[in-house]
Amino acid sequence: MPGHGYLADEHEVVEYRDMVVIIRDRVKAMLDAGATLAQVKAARITADYDTQYGANNGRWTTEMFVTAVYDSLTNVR
């Protein structure tokens, strides 16, 4: 919404996109090795991004994000 403050610049959008790709690749590697969703969550594959992007409560948590990535790669709906 214009006029409602700072949103993000191009660098921040690229940085976020890179994080999403890295997490996707980590989940994919674990899936290829036969890991379950519980194992992927236990591996804390987002740990290096948690301080910047992570959340333990609210409408969208880190655990929900990891589950969504896992589900998208296993075609679970």
PDB file of N, CA and C in Angstrom:
ATOM      1  N   MET A   1       0.847  -1.160   0.000  1.00  0.00           N
ATOM      2  CA  MET A   1       0.000   0.000   0.000  1.00  0.00           C
ATOM      3  C   MET A   1       0.903   1.237   0.000  1.00  0.00           C
ATOM      4  N   PRO A   2       0.871   2.048  -1.004  1.00  0.00           N
ATOM      5  CA  PRO A   2       1.716   3.236  -1.066  1.00  0.00           C
ATOM      6  C   PRO A   2       1.496   4.155   0.130  1.00  0.00           C
ATOM      7  N   GLY A   3       2.593   4.719   0.600  1.00  0.00           N
ATOM      8  CA  GLY A   3       2.501   5.682   1.677  1.00  0.00           C
ATOM      9  C   GLY A   3       2.430   5.089   3.066  1.00  0.00           C
ATOM     10  N   HIS A   4       2.613   3.782   3.197  1.00  0.00           N
ATOM     11  CA  HIS A   4       2.517   3.147   4.513  1.00  0.00           C
ATOM     12  C   HIS A   4       3.856   2.611   4.998  1.00  0.00           C
ATOM     13  N   GLY A   5       4.938   3.271   4.599  1.00  0.00           N
ATOM     14  CA  GLY A   5       6.239   2.934   5.139  1.00  0.00           C
ATOM     15  C   GLY A   5       7.057   2.015   4.258  1.00  0.00           C
ATOM     16  N   TYR A   6       8.237   1.755   4.732  1.00  0.00           N
ATOM     17  CA  TYR A   6       9.242   0.962   4.040  1.00  0.00           C
ATOM     18  C   TYR A   6       8.805  -0.497   3.928  1.00  0.00           C
ATOM     19  N   LEU A   7       8.987  -1.090   2.766  1.00  0.00           N
ATOM     20  CA  LEU A   7       8.658  -2.501   2.566  1.00  0.00           C
ATOM     21  C   LEU A   7       9.930  -3.312   2.388  1.00  0.00           C
ATOM     22  N   ALA A   8      10.613  -3.143   1.276  1.00  0.00           N
ATOM     23  CA  ALA A   8      11.859  -3.856   1.020  1.00  0.00           C
ATOM     24  C   ALA A   8      12.509  -3.266  -0.217  1.00  0.00           C
ATOM     25  N   ASP A   9      13.836  -3.387  -0.272  1.00  0.00           N
ATOM     26  CA  ASP A   9      14.515  -2.977  -1.494  1.00  0.00           C
ATOM     27  C   ASP A   9      14.900  -4.225  -2.283  1.00  0.00           C
ATOM     28  N   GLU A  10      15.437  -4.029  -3.467  1.00  0.00           N
ATOM     29  CA  GLU A  10      15.754  -5.154  -4.351  1.00  0.00           C
ATOM     30  C   GLU A  10      16.729  -6.133  -3.701  1.00  0.00           C
ATOM     31  N   HIS A  11      17.730  -5.622  -3.009  1.00  0.00           N
ATOM     32  CA  HIS A  11      18.713  -6.489  -2.353  1.00  0.00           C
ATOM     33  C   HIS A  11      18.051  -7.411  -1.330  1.00  0.00           C
ATOM     34  N   GLU A  12      17.122  -6.883  -0.555  1.00  0.00           N
ATOM     35  CA  GLU A  12      16.439  -7.685   0.457  1.00  0.00           C
ATOM     36  C   GLU A  12      15.556  -8.757  -0.169  1.00  0.00           C
ATOM     37  N   VAL A  13      14.928  -8.431  -1.282  1.00  0.00           N
ATOM     38  CA  VAL A  13      14.100  -9.414  -1.978  1.00  0.00           C
ATOM     39  C   VAL A  13      14.974 -10.534  -2.535  1.00  0.00           C
ATOM     40  N   VAL A  14      16.117 -10.184  -3.114  1.00  0.00           N
ATOM     41  CA  VAL A  14      17.050 -11.191  -3.647  1.00  0.00           C
ATOM     42  C   VAL A  14      17.578 -12.064  -2.509  1.00  0.00           C
ATOM     43  N   GLU A  15      17.915 -11.451  -1.386  1.00  0.00           N
ATOM     44  CA  GLU A  15      18.418 -12.194  -0.229  1.00  0.00           C
ATOM     45  C   GLU A  15      17.372 -13.195   0.276  1.00  0.00           C
ATOM     46  N   TYR A  16      16.114 -12.772   0.351  1.00  0.00           N
ATOM     47  CA  TYR A  16      15.035 -13.650   0.798  1.00  0.00           C
ATOM     48  C   TYR A  16      14.837 -14.800  -0.187  1.00  0.00           C
ATOM     49  N   ARG A  17      14.841 -14.496  -1.478  1.00  0.00           N
ATOM     50  CA  ARG A  17      14.701 -15.530  -2.505  1.00  0.00           C
ATOM     51  C   ARG A  17      15.835 -16.547  -2.398  1.00  0.00           C
ATOM     52  N   ASP A  18      17.052 -16.074  -2.187  1.00  0.00           N
ATOM     53  CA  ASP A  18      18.192 -16.984  -2.034  1.00  0.00           C
ATOM     54  C   ASP A  18      18.001 -17.902  -0.835  1.00  0.00           C
ATOM     55  N   MET A  19      17.490 -17.357   0.282  1.00  0.00           N
ATOM     56  CA  MET A  19      17.234 -18.167   1.468  1.00  0.00           C
ATOM     57  C   MET A  19      16.221 -19.260   1.162  1.00  0.00           C
ATOM     58  N   VAL A  20      15.149 -18.908   0.460  1.00  0.00           N
ATOM     59  CA  VAL A  20      14.114 -19.890   0.130  1.00  0.00           C
ATOM     60  C   VAL A  20      14.694 -21.005  -0.743  1.00  0.00           C
ATOM     61  N   VAL A  21      15.518 -20.658  -1.704  1.00  0.00           N
ATOM     62  CA  VAL A  21      16.140 -21.661  -2.585  1.00  0.00           C
ATOM     63  C   VAL A  21      17.078 -22.564  -1.791  1.00  0.00           C
ATOM     64  N   ILE A  22      17.856 -21.991  -0.895  1.00  0.00           N
ATOM     65  CA  ILE A  22      18.788 -22.782  -0.082  1.00  0.00           C
ATOM     66  C   ILE A  22      18.025 -23.756   0.808  1.00  0.00           C
ATOM     67  N   ILE A  23      16.970 -23.291   1.456  1.00  0.00           N
ATOM     68  CA  ILE A  23      16.173 -24.175   2.320  1.00  0.00           C
ATOM     69  C   ILE A  23      15.525 -25.270   1.478  1.00  0.00           C
ATOM     70  N   ARG A  24      14.982 -24.908   0.325  1.00  0.00           N
ATOM     71  CA  ARG A  24      14.399 -25.917  -0.575  1.00  0.00           C
ATOM     72  C   ARG A  24      15.437 -26.977  -0.943  1.00  0.00           C
ATOM     73  N   ASP A  25      16.643 -26.556  -1.278  1.00  0.00           N
ATOM     74  CA  ASP A  25      17.697 -27.502  -1.645  1.00  0.00           C
ATOM     75  C   ASP A  25      18.087 -28.401  -0.480  1.00  0.00           C
ATOM     76  N   ARG A  26      18.096 -27.856   0.724  1.00  0.00           N
ATOM     77  CA  ARG A  26      18.413 -28.661   1.911  1.00  0.00           C
ATOM     78  C   ARG A  26      17.336 -29.714   2.163  1.00  0.00           C
ATOM     79  N   VAL A  27      16.088 -29.300   2.052  1.00  0.00           N
ATOM     80  CA  VAL A  27      14.985 -30.256   2.231  1.00  0.00           C
ATOM     81  C   VAL A  27      15.063 -31.330   1.153  1.00  0.00           C
ATOM     82  N   LYS A  28      15.304 -30.930  -0.085  1.00  0.00           N
ATOM     83  CA  LYS A  28      15.394 -31.884  -1.196  1.00  0.00           C
ATOM     84  C   LYS A  28      16.504 -32.892  -0.959  1.00  0.00           C
ATOM     85  N   ALA A  29      17.657 -32.443  -0.502  1.00  0.00           N
ATOM     86  CA  ALA A  29      18.772 -33.344  -0.220  1.00  0.00           C
ATOM     87  C   ALA A  29      18.399 -34.352   0.859  1.00  0.00           C
ATOM     88  N   MET A  30      17.689 -33.898   1.890  1.00  0.00           N
ATOM     89  CA  MET A  30      17.270 -34.816   2.945  1.00  0.00           C
ATOM     90  C   MET A  30      16.223 -35.797   2.426  1.00  0.00           C
ATOM     91  N   LEU A  31      15.299 -35.317   1.595  1.00  0.00           N
ATOM     92  CA  LEU A  31      14.306 -36.214   0.993  1.00  0.00           C
ATOM     93  C   LEU A  31      14.983 -37.275   0.138  1.00  0.00           C
ATOM     94  N   ASP A  32      15.952 -36.860  -0.648  1.00  0.00           N
ATOM     95  CA  ASP A  32      16.688 -37.807  -1.494  1.00  0.00           C
ATOM     96  C   ASP A  32      17.418 -38.865  -0.667  1.00  0.00           C
ATOM     97  N   ALA A  33      17.759 -38.495   0.562  1.00  0.00           N
ATOM     98  CA  ALA A  33      18.419 -39.436   1.468  1.00  0.00           C
ATOM     99  C   ALA A  33      17.414 -40.265   2.260  1.00  0.00           C
ATOM    100  N   GLY A  34      16.119 -40.026   2.032  1.00  0.00           N
ATOM    101  CA  GLY A  34      15.083 -40.825   2.678  1.00  0.00           C
ATOM    102  C   GLY A  34      14.548 -40.267   3.981  1.00  0.00           C
ATOM    103  N   ALA A  35      14.785 -39.002   4.266  1.00  0.00           N
ATOM    104  CA  ALA A  35      14.348 -38.412   5.526  1.00  0.00           C
ATOM    105  C   ALA A  35      12.835 -38.183   5.549  1.00  0.00           C
ATOM    106  N   THR A  36      12.281 -38.320   6.732  1.00  0.00           N
ATOM    107  CA  THR A  36      10.860 -38.022   6.954  1.00  0.00           C
ATOM    108  C   THR A  36      10.715 -36.548   7.316  1.00  0.00           C
ATOM    109  N   LEU A  37       9.481 -36.065   7.349  1.00  0.00           N
ATOM    110  CA  LEU A  37       9.234 -34.683   7.751  1.00  0.00           C
ATOM    111  C   LEU A  37       9.759 -34.440   9.164  1.00  0.00           C
ATOM    112  N   ALA A  38       9.541 -35.356  10.061  1.00  0.00           N
ATOM    113  CA  ALA A  38      10.022 -35.206  11.440  1.00  0.00           C
ATOM    114  C   ALA A  38      11.544 -35.083  11.476  1.00  0.00           C
ATOM    115  N   GLN A  39      12.237 -35.849  10.652  1.00  0.00           N
ATOM    116  CA  GLN A  39      13.697 -35.771  10.599  1.00  0.00           C
ATOM    117  C   GLN A  39      14.172 -34.441  10.009  1.00  0.00           C
ATOM    118  N   VAL A  40      13.466 -33.959   9.004  1.00  0.00           N
ATOM    119  CA  VAL A  40      13.819 -32.673   8.412  1.00  0.00           C
ATOM    120  C   VAL A  40      13.651 -31.566   9.448  1.00  0.00           C
ATOM    121  N   LYS A  41      12.545 -31.589  10.176  1.00  0.00           N
ATOM    122  CA  LYS A  41      12.319 -30.583  11.220  1.00  0.00           C
ATOM    123  C   LYS A  41      13.377 -30.676  12.312  1.00  0.00           C
ATOM    124  N   ALA A  42      13.715 -31.895  12.710  1.00  0.00           N
ATOM    125  CA  ALA A  42      14.699 -32.096  13.772  1.00  0.00           C
ATOM    126  C   ALA A  42      16.094 -31.632  13.361  1.00  0.00           C
ATOM    127  N   ALA A  43      16.384 -31.623  12.071  1.00  0.00           N
ATOM    128  CA  ALA A  43      17.699 -31.217  11.578  1.00  0.00           C
ATOM    129  C   ALA A  43      17.915 -29.707  11.680  1.00  0.00           C
ATOM    130  N   ARG A  44      16.845 -28.963  11.934  1.00  0.00           N
ATOM    131  CA  ARG A  44      16.915 -27.496  12.068  1.00  0.00           C
ATOM    132  C   ARG A  44      17.657 -26.862  10.884  1.00  0.00           C
ATOM    133  N   ILE A  45      17.204 -27.190   9.703  1.00  0.00           N
ATOM    134  CA  ILE A  45      17.872 -26.736   8.485  1.00  0.00           C
ATOM    135  C   ILE A  45      17.764 -25.231   8.253  1.00  0.00           C
ATOM    136  N   THR A  46      16.925 -24.559   9.021  1.00  0.00           N
ATOM    137  CA  THR A  46      16.778 -23.108   8.886  1.00  0.00           C
ATOM    138  C   THR A  46      17.562 -22.337   9.944  1.00  0.00           C
ATOM    139  N   ALA A  47      18.310 -23.020  10.775  1.00  0.00           N
ATOM    140  CA  ALA A  47      18.942 -22.393  11.944  1.00  0.00           C
ATOM    141  C   ALA A  47      19.749 -21.138  11.598  1.00  0.00           C
ATOM    142  N   ASP A  48      20.474 -21.155  10.499  1.00  0.00           N
ATOM    143  CA  ASP A  48      21.286 -19.993  10.158  1.00  0.00           C
ATOM    144  C   ASP A  48      20.462 -18.811   9.650  1.00  0.00           C
ATOM    145  N   TYR A  49      19.190 -19.005   9.424  1.00  0.00           N
ATOM    146  CA  TYR A  49      18.292 -17.929   8.991  1.00  0.00           C
ATOM    147  C   TYR A  49      17.253 -17.566  10.048  1.00  0.00           C
ATOM    148  N   ASP A  50      17.184 -18.322  11.119  1.00  0.00           N
ATOM    149  CA  ASP A  50      16.120 -18.135  12.102  1.00  0.00           C
ATOM    150  C   ASP A  50      16.123 -16.758  12.758  1.00  0.00           C
ATOM    151  N   THR A  51      17.288 -16.176  13.013  1.00  0.00           N
ATOM    152  CA  THR A  51      17.302 -14.866  13.665  1.00  0.00           C
ATOM    153  C   THR A  51      16.730 -13.784  12.760  1.00  0.00           C
ATOM    154  N   GLN A  52      16.903 -13.925  11.459  1.00  0.00           N
ATOM    155  CA  GLN A  52      16.410 -12.914  10.535  1.00  0.00           C
ATOM    156  C   GLN A  52      14.984 -13.182  10.053  1.00  0.00           C
ATOM    157  N   TYR A  53      14.669 -14.446   9.771  1.00  0.00           N
ATOM    158  CA  TYR A  53      13.370 -14.769   9.164  1.00  0.00           C
ATOM    159  C   TYR A  53      12.490 -15.686  10.005  1.00  0.00           C
ATOM    160  N   GLY A  54      13.012 -16.278  11.046  1.00  0.00           N
ATOM    161  CA  GLY A  54      12.284 -17.296  11.795  1.00  0.00           C
ATOM    162  C   GLY A  54      11.238 -16.745  12.740  1.00  0.00           C
ATOM    163  N   ALA A  55      10.272 -17.591  13.058  1.00  0.00           N
ATOM    164  CA  ALA A  55       9.229 -17.253  14.032  1.00  0.00           C
ATOM    165  C   ALA A  55       8.750 -18.538  14.694  1.00  0.00           C
ATOM    166  N   ASN A  56       8.597 -18.481  16.013  1.00  0.00           N
ATOM    167  CA  ASN A  56       8.111 -19.640  16.758  1.00  0.00           C
ATOM    168  C   ASN A  56       6.628 -19.558  17.066  1.00  0.00           C
ATOM    169  N   ASN A  57       6.031 -18.408  16.819  1.00  0.00           N
ATOM    170  CA  ASN A  57       4.596 -18.247  17.046  1.00  0.00           C
ATOM    171  C   ASN A  57       4.058 -17.244  16.042  1.00  0.00           C
ATOM    172  N   GLY A  58       2.755 -17.165  16.004  1.00  0.00           N
ATOM    173  CA  GLY A  58       2.118 -16.265  15.060  1.00  0.00           C
ATOM    174  C   GLY A  58       1.451 -17.032  13.934  1.00  0.00           C
ATOM    175  N   ARG A  59       1.060 -16.299  12.896  1.00  0.00           N
ATOM    176  CA  ARG A  59       0.307 -16.902  11.801  1.00  0.00           C
ATOM    177  C   ARG A  59       1.164 -17.750  10.873  1.00  0.00           C
ATOM    178  N   TRP A  60       2.464 -17.512  10.809  1.00  0.00           N
ATOM    179  CA  TRP A  60       3.343 -18.258   9.905  1.00  0.00           C
ATOM    180  C   TRP A  60       4.659 -18.497  10.622  1.00  0.00           C
ATOM    181  N   THR A  61       4.887 -19.741  11.062  1.00  0.00           N
ATOM    182  CA  THR A  61       6.080 -20.073  11.828  1.00  0.00           C
ATOM    183  C   THR A  61       7.122 -20.751  10.945  1.00  0.00           C
ATOM    184  N   THR A  62       8.313 -20.854  11.466  1.00  0.00           N
ATOM    185  CA  THR A  62       9.390 -21.542  10.758  1.00  0.00           C
ATOM    186  C   THR A  62       9.012 -22.997  10.504  1.00  0.00           C
ATOM    187  N   GLU A  63       8.398 -23.631  11.489  1.00  0.00           N
ATOM    188  CA  GLU A  63       7.975 -25.023  11.330  1.00  0.00           C
ATOM    189  C   GLU A  63       6.946 -25.165  10.205  1.00  0.00           C
ATOM    190  N   MET A  64       6.033 -24.219  10.112  1.00  0.00           N
ATOM    191  CA  MET A  64       5.043 -24.244   9.035  1.00  0.00           C
ATOM    192  C   MET A  64       5.723 -24.064   7.676  1.00  0.00           C
ATOM    193  N   PHE A  65       6.725 -23.203   7.624  1.00  0.00           N
ATOM    194  CA  PHE A  65       7.469 -22.970   6.388  1.00  0.00           C
ATOM    195  C   PHE A  65       8.180 -24.251   5.939  1.00  0.00           C
ATOM    196  N   VAL A  66       8.872 -24.902   6.866  1.00  0.00           N
ATOM    197  CA  VAL A  66       9.581 -26.147   6.539  1.00  0.00           C
ATOM    198  C   VAL A  66       8.584 -27.213   6.086  1.00  0.00           C
ATOM    199  N   THR A  67       7.456 -27.314   6.754  1.00  0.00           N
ATOM    200  CA  THR A  67       6.422 -28.270   6.361  1.00  0.00           C
ATOM    201  C   THR A  67       5.920 -27.966   4.954  1.00  0.00           C
ATOM    202  N   ALA A  68       5.702 -26.705   4.647  1.00  0.00           N
ATOM    203  CA  ALA A  68       5.220 -26.321   3.311  1.00  0.00           C
ATOM    204  C   ALA A  68       6.239 -26.672   2.234  1.00  0.00           C
ATOM    205  N   VAL A  69       7.507 -26.443   2.515  1.00  0.00           N
ATOM    206  CA  VAL A  69       8.557 -26.798   1.543  1.00  0.00           C
ATOM    207  C   VAL A  69       8.575 -28.313   1.356  1.00  0.00           C
ATOM    208  N   TYR A  70       8.557 -29.041   2.463  1.00  0.00           N
ATOM    209  CA  TYR A  70       8.560 -30.509   2.403  1.00  0.00           C
ATOM    210  C   TYR A  70       7.365 -31.016   1.593  1.00  0.00           C
ATOM    211  N   ASP A  71       6.181 -30.507   1.913  1.00  0.00           N
ATOM    212  CA  ASP A  71       4.971 -30.931   1.218  1.00  0.00           C
ATOM    213  C   ASP A  71       5.037 -30.605  -0.279  1.00  0.00           C
ATOM    214  N   SER A  72       5.580 -29.453  -0.623  1.00  0.00           N
ATOM    215  CA  SER A  72       5.660 -29.081  -2.029  1.00  0.00           C
ATOM    216  C   SER A  72       6.600 -30.011  -2.801  1.00  0.00           C
ATOM    217  N   LEU A  73       7.608 -30.530  -2.121  1.00  0.00           N
ATOM    218  CA  LEU A  73       8.561 -31.421  -2.781  1.00  0.00           C
ATOM    219  C   LEU A  73       8.087 -32.881  -2.828  1.00  0.00           C
ATOM    220  N   THR A  74       7.129 -33.200  -1.969  1.00  0.00           N
ATOM    221  CA  THR A  74       6.597 -34.570  -1.960  1.00  0.00           C
ATOM    222  C   THR A  74       5.209 -34.633  -2.560  1.00  0.00           C
ATOM    223  N   ASN A  75       4.730 -33.501  -3.053  1.00  0.00           N
ATOM    224  CA  ASN A  75       3.417 -33.402  -3.689  1.00  0.00           C
ATOM    225  C   ASN A  75       2.283 -33.803  -2.758  1.00  0.00           C
ATOM    226  N   VAL A  76       2.441 -33.552  -1.474  1.00  0.00           N
ATOM    227  CA  VAL A  76       1.397 -33.817  -0.485  1.00  0.00           C
ATOM    228  C   VAL A  76       0.435 -32.632  -0.524  1.00  0.00           C
ATOM    229  N   ARG A  77      -0.837 -32.925  -0.555  1.00  0.00           N
ATOM    230  CA  ARG A  77      -1.826 -31.819  -0.567  1.00  0.00           C
ATOM    231  C   ARG A  77      -2.939 -32.117   0.377  1.00  0.00           C
TER     232      ARG A  77
END
